[in-house]
Amino acid sequence: MFPNTVWFFFTIASLFLQLTLLNLLIAIMGDTYDYVQEMARVAKTKEILNFIGDNEDLLRNEDFESTSAIFYATPAEGADG
């Protein structure tokens, strides 16, 4: 019914379309993974700071009242990002 050249071009176009769509899917998943990883780092930092803020009352003692101090958080050496 169709000549062989039509089937050839149909096969080539189908393979090209599948490769293109698969590449697009991989790119979208990679971007989503990067976004989730960045949000995880922000959420981890917020949780650590909330933990410090919640437990600040434990540090209030007569020993600390005469001393002024600044509390700041830094990642431990070798800690995962």
N, C-alpha and C. Protein backbone atom coordinates (compact mmCIF):
# COMPACT_ATOMS: atom_id res chain seq x y z
N MET A 1 0.84 -1.19 0.00
CA MET A 1 0.00 0.00 0.00
C MET A 1 0.88 1.25 0.00
N PHE A 2 1.87 1.35 0.95
CA PHE A 2 2.79 2.48 0.97
C PHE A 2 4.14 2.05 0.43
N PRO A 3 4.84 2.95 -0.24
CA PRO A 3 6.17 2.58 -0.73
C PRO A 3 7.16 2.43 0.44
N ASN A 4 8.25 1.76 0.20
CA ASN A 4 9.24 1.51 1.23
C ASN A 4 9.85 2.81 1.78
N THR A 5 9.97 3.85 1.00
CA THR A 5 10.55 5.11 1.48
C THR A 5 9.67 5.74 2.55
N VAL A 6 8.37 5.60 2.44
CA VAL A 6 7.46 6.15 3.46
C VAL A 6 7.68 5.42 4.77
N TRP A 7 7.79 4.10 4.76
CA TRP A 7 8.03 3.34 5.97
C TRP A 7 9.38 3.69 6.58
N PHE A 8 10.38 3.89 5.74
CA PHE A 8 11.70 4.27 6.21
C PHE A 8 11.65 5.61 6.96
N PHE A 9 11.03 6.62 6.32
CA PHE A 9 10.94 7.94 6.97
C PHE A 9 10.06 7.90 8.22
N PHE A 10 9.01 7.08 8.20
CA PHE A 10 8.16 6.93 9.37
C PHE A 10 8.96 6.34 10.54
N THR A 11 9.78 5.33 10.26
CA THR A 11 10.59 4.69 11.30
C THR A 11 11.63 5.65 11.85
N ILE A 12 12.31 6.37 10.98
CA ILE A 12 13.31 7.33 11.41
C ILE A 12 12.66 8.44 12.24
N ALA A 13 11.53 8.96 11.79
CA ALA A 13 10.84 10.04 12.52
C ALA A 13 10.36 9.54 13.89
N SER A 14 9.87 8.30 13.94
CA SER A 14 9.40 7.75 15.22
C SER A 14 10.55 7.61 16.21
N LEU A 15 11.67 7.10 15.76
CA LEU A 15 12.83 6.96 16.64
C LEU A 15 13.34 8.33 17.10
N PHE A 16 13.40 9.28 16.19
CA PHE A 16 13.86 10.63 16.54
C PHE A 16 12.93 11.27 17.57
N LEU A 17 11.63 11.10 17.39
CA LEU A 17 10.66 11.66 18.32
C LEU A 17 10.80 11.02 19.70
N GLN A 18 10.99 9.72 19.76
CA GLN A 18 11.15 9.04 21.05
C GLN A 18 12.41 9.51 21.76
N LEU A 19 13.51 9.64 21.02
CA LEU A 19 14.75 10.13 21.63
C LEU A 19 14.60 11.55 22.14
N THR A 20 13.93 12.40 21.38
CA THR A 20 13.74 13.79 21.78
C THR A 20 12.88 13.88 23.04
N LEU A 21 11.79 13.13 23.08
CA LEU A 21 10.91 13.17 24.25
C LEU A 21 11.57 12.57 25.48
N LEU A 22 12.36 11.53 25.29
CA LEU A 22 13.08 10.95 26.42
C LEU A 22 14.12 11.92 26.97
N ASN A 23 14.80 12.62 26.09
CA ASN A 23 15.77 13.64 26.51
C ASN A 23 15.07 14.77 27.27
N LEU A 24 13.90 15.18 26.80
CA LEU A 24 13.12 16.21 27.49
C LEU A 24 12.71 15.75 28.88
N LEU A 25 12.27 14.50 29.00
CA LEU A 25 11.87 13.96 30.29
C LEU A 25 13.05 13.92 31.26
N ILE A 26 14.21 13.52 30.79
CA ILE A 26 15.40 13.47 31.64
C ILE A 26 15.78 14.87 32.10
N ALA A 27 15.69 15.85 31.21
CA ALA A 27 16.02 17.23 31.59
C ALA A 27 15.06 17.77 32.64
N ILE A 28 13.78 17.50 32.49
CA ILE A 28 12.78 17.96 33.46
C ILE A 28 13.01 17.30 34.82
N MET A 29 13.30 16.00 34.82
CA MET A 29 13.54 15.31 36.09
C MET A 29 14.81 15.82 36.76
N GLY A 30 15.83 16.15 35.98
CA GLY A 30 17.06 16.69 36.55
C GLY A 30 16.84 18.03 37.20
N ASP A 31 16.06 18.90 36.54
CA ASP A 31 15.76 20.21 37.13
C ASP A 31 14.95 20.07 38.41
N THR A 32 13.99 19.16 38.40
CA THR A 32 13.17 18.93 39.60
C THR A 32 14.02 18.40 40.74
N TYR A 33 14.94 17.50 40.45
CA TYR A 33 15.82 16.96 41.48
C TYR A 33 16.69 18.06 42.09
N ASP A 34 17.25 18.93 41.25
CA ASP A 34 18.06 20.03 41.75
C ASP A 34 17.24 20.96 42.65
N TYR A 35 16.00 21.23 42.25
CA TYR A 35 15.14 22.11 43.05
C TYR A 35 14.83 21.47 44.41
N VAL A 36 14.53 20.18 44.41
CA VAL A 36 14.20 19.49 45.67
C VAL A 36 15.43 19.47 46.58
N GLN A 37 16.61 19.23 46.03
CA GLN A 37 17.82 19.21 46.84
C GLN A 37 18.08 20.58 47.46
N GLU A 38 17.87 21.65 46.71
CA GLU A 38 18.07 23.00 47.24
C GLU A 38 17.06 23.29 48.35
N MET A 39 15.81 22.90 48.16
CA MET A 39 14.80 23.13 49.19
C MET A 39 15.08 22.28 50.42
N ALA A 40 15.66 21.11 50.25
CA ALA A 40 16.00 20.27 51.40
C ALA A 40 17.08 20.93 52.24
N ARG A 41 18.05 21.55 51.58
CA ARG A 41 19.11 22.22 52.33
C ARG A 41 18.54 23.42 53.11
N VAL A 42 17.64 24.17 52.48
CA VAL A 42 17.03 25.31 53.16
C VAL A 42 16.18 24.83 54.34
N ALA A 43 15.41 23.76 54.13
CA ALA A 43 14.56 23.24 55.21
C ALA A 43 15.41 22.72 56.37
N LYS A 44 16.53 22.07 56.06
CA LYS A 44 17.42 21.56 57.11
C LYS A 44 17.97 22.71 57.94
N THR A 45 18.39 23.77 57.28
CA THR A 45 18.92 24.93 58.00
C THR A 45 17.85 25.57 58.87
N LYS A 46 16.63 25.69 58.35
CA LYS A 46 15.54 26.27 59.13
C LYS A 46 15.24 25.42 60.37
N GLU A 47 15.25 24.09 60.21
CA GLU A 47 14.99 23.21 61.35
C GLU A 47 16.07 23.33 62.41
N ILE A 48 17.31 23.43 61.99
CA ILE A 48 18.40 23.58 62.96
C ILE A 48 18.25 24.90 63.71
N LEU A 49 17.95 25.96 62.98
CA LEU A 49 17.79 27.27 63.63
C LEU A 49 16.57 27.29 64.55
N ASN A 50 15.49 26.62 64.16
CA ASN A 50 14.32 26.52 65.04
C ASN A 50 14.66 25.73 66.30
N PHE A 51 15.45 24.68 66.15
CA PHE A 51 15.87 23.90 67.31
C PHE A 51 16.70 24.75 68.26
N ILE A 52 17.60 25.55 67.72
CA ILE A 52 18.40 26.43 68.57
C ILE A 52 17.51 27.45 69.26
N GLY A 53 16.56 28.02 68.51
CA GLY A 53 15.64 29.00 69.10
C GLY A 53 14.75 28.39 70.17
N ASP A 54 14.29 27.17 69.94
CA ASP A 54 13.43 26.51 70.93
C ASP A 54 14.18 26.18 72.21
N ASN A 55 15.45 25.88 72.10
CA ASN A 55 16.23 25.48 73.27
C ASN A 55 17.07 26.62 73.83
N GLU A 56 16.81 27.83 73.42
CA GLU A 56 17.57 28.98 73.91
C GLU A 56 17.34 29.18 75.41
N ASP A 57 16.17 28.81 75.87
CA ASP A 57 15.87 28.97 77.30
C ASP A 57 16.78 28.12 78.18
N LEU A 58 17.28 27.04 77.66
CA LEU A 58 18.18 26.19 78.44
C LEU A 58 19.52 26.89 78.71
N LEU A 59 19.86 27.84 77.85
CA LEU A 59 21.13 28.55 78.01
C LEU A 59 21.02 29.74 78.96
N ARG A 60 19.81 30.12 79.31
CA ARG A 60 19.64 31.26 80.20
C ARG A 60 19.91 30.82 81.62
N ASN A 61 20.96 31.35 82.15
CA ASN A 61 21.39 30.96 83.49
C ASN A 61 22.09 32.18 84.09
N GLU A 62 22.28 32.16 85.38
CA GLU A 62 22.97 33.29 86.02
C GLU A 62 24.40 33.43 85.51
N ASP A 63 25.01 32.32 85.12
CA ASP A 63 26.38 32.37 84.61
C ASP A 63 26.47 33.16 83.32
N PHE A 64 25.41 33.13 82.53
CA PHE A 64 25.45 33.79 81.24
C PHE A 64 24.91 35.22 81.27
N GLU A 65 24.26 35.62 82.35
CA GLU A 65 23.64 36.94 82.39
C GLU A 65 24.66 38.06 82.38
N SER A 66 25.81 37.85 82.95
CA SER A 66 26.82 38.90 82.99
C SER A 66 27.65 38.95 81.71
N THR A 67 27.52 37.96 80.88
CA THR A 67 28.32 37.89 79.66
C THR A 67 27.43 38.12 78.45
N SER A 68 27.89 39.01 77.59
CA SER A 68 27.12 39.17 76.35
C SER A 68 27.72 38.23 75.31
N ALA A 69 26.86 37.60 74.56
CA ALA A 69 27.33 36.62 73.57
C ALA A 69 26.48 36.72 72.32
N ILE A 70 27.05 36.32 71.24
CA ILE A 70 26.34 36.22 69.97
C ILE A 70 26.34 34.75 69.58
N PHE A 71 25.16 34.23 69.31
CA PHE A 71 25.04 32.85 68.89
C PHE A 71 24.93 32.80 67.38
N TYR A 72 25.72 31.98 66.75
CA TYR A 72 25.58 31.79 65.32
C TYR A 72 25.84 30.33 64.99
N ALA A 73 25.25 29.89 63.90
CA ALA A 73 25.34 28.48 63.53
C ALA A 73 26.21 28.34 62.29
N THR A 74 27.13 27.40 62.36
CA THR A 74 27.94 27.05 61.20
C THR A 74 27.93 25.54 61.05
N PRO A 75 28.07 25.06 59.83
CA PRO A 75 28.10 23.60 59.65
C PRO A 75 29.35 23.00 60.26
N ALA A 76 29.21 21.83 60.82
CA ALA A 76 30.35 21.14 61.39
C ALA A 76 31.28 20.70 60.27
N GLU A 77 32.55 20.56 60.59
CA GLU A 77 33.50 20.13 59.58
C GLU A 77 33.16 18.72 59.11
N GLY A 78 33.15 18.57 57.81
CA GLY A 78 32.84 17.26 57.24
C GLY A 78 31.35 16.94 57.22
N ALA A 79 30.50 17.88 57.62
CA ALA A 79 29.06 17.61 57.63
C ALA A 79 28.53 17.64 56.20
N ASP A 80 27.53 16.83 55.97
CA ASP A 80 26.93 16.81 54.63
C ASP A 80 26.12 18.07 54.43
N GLY A 81 26.19 18.61 53.21
CA GLY A 81 25.66 19.86 52.81
C GLY A 81 24.30 20.20 53.01
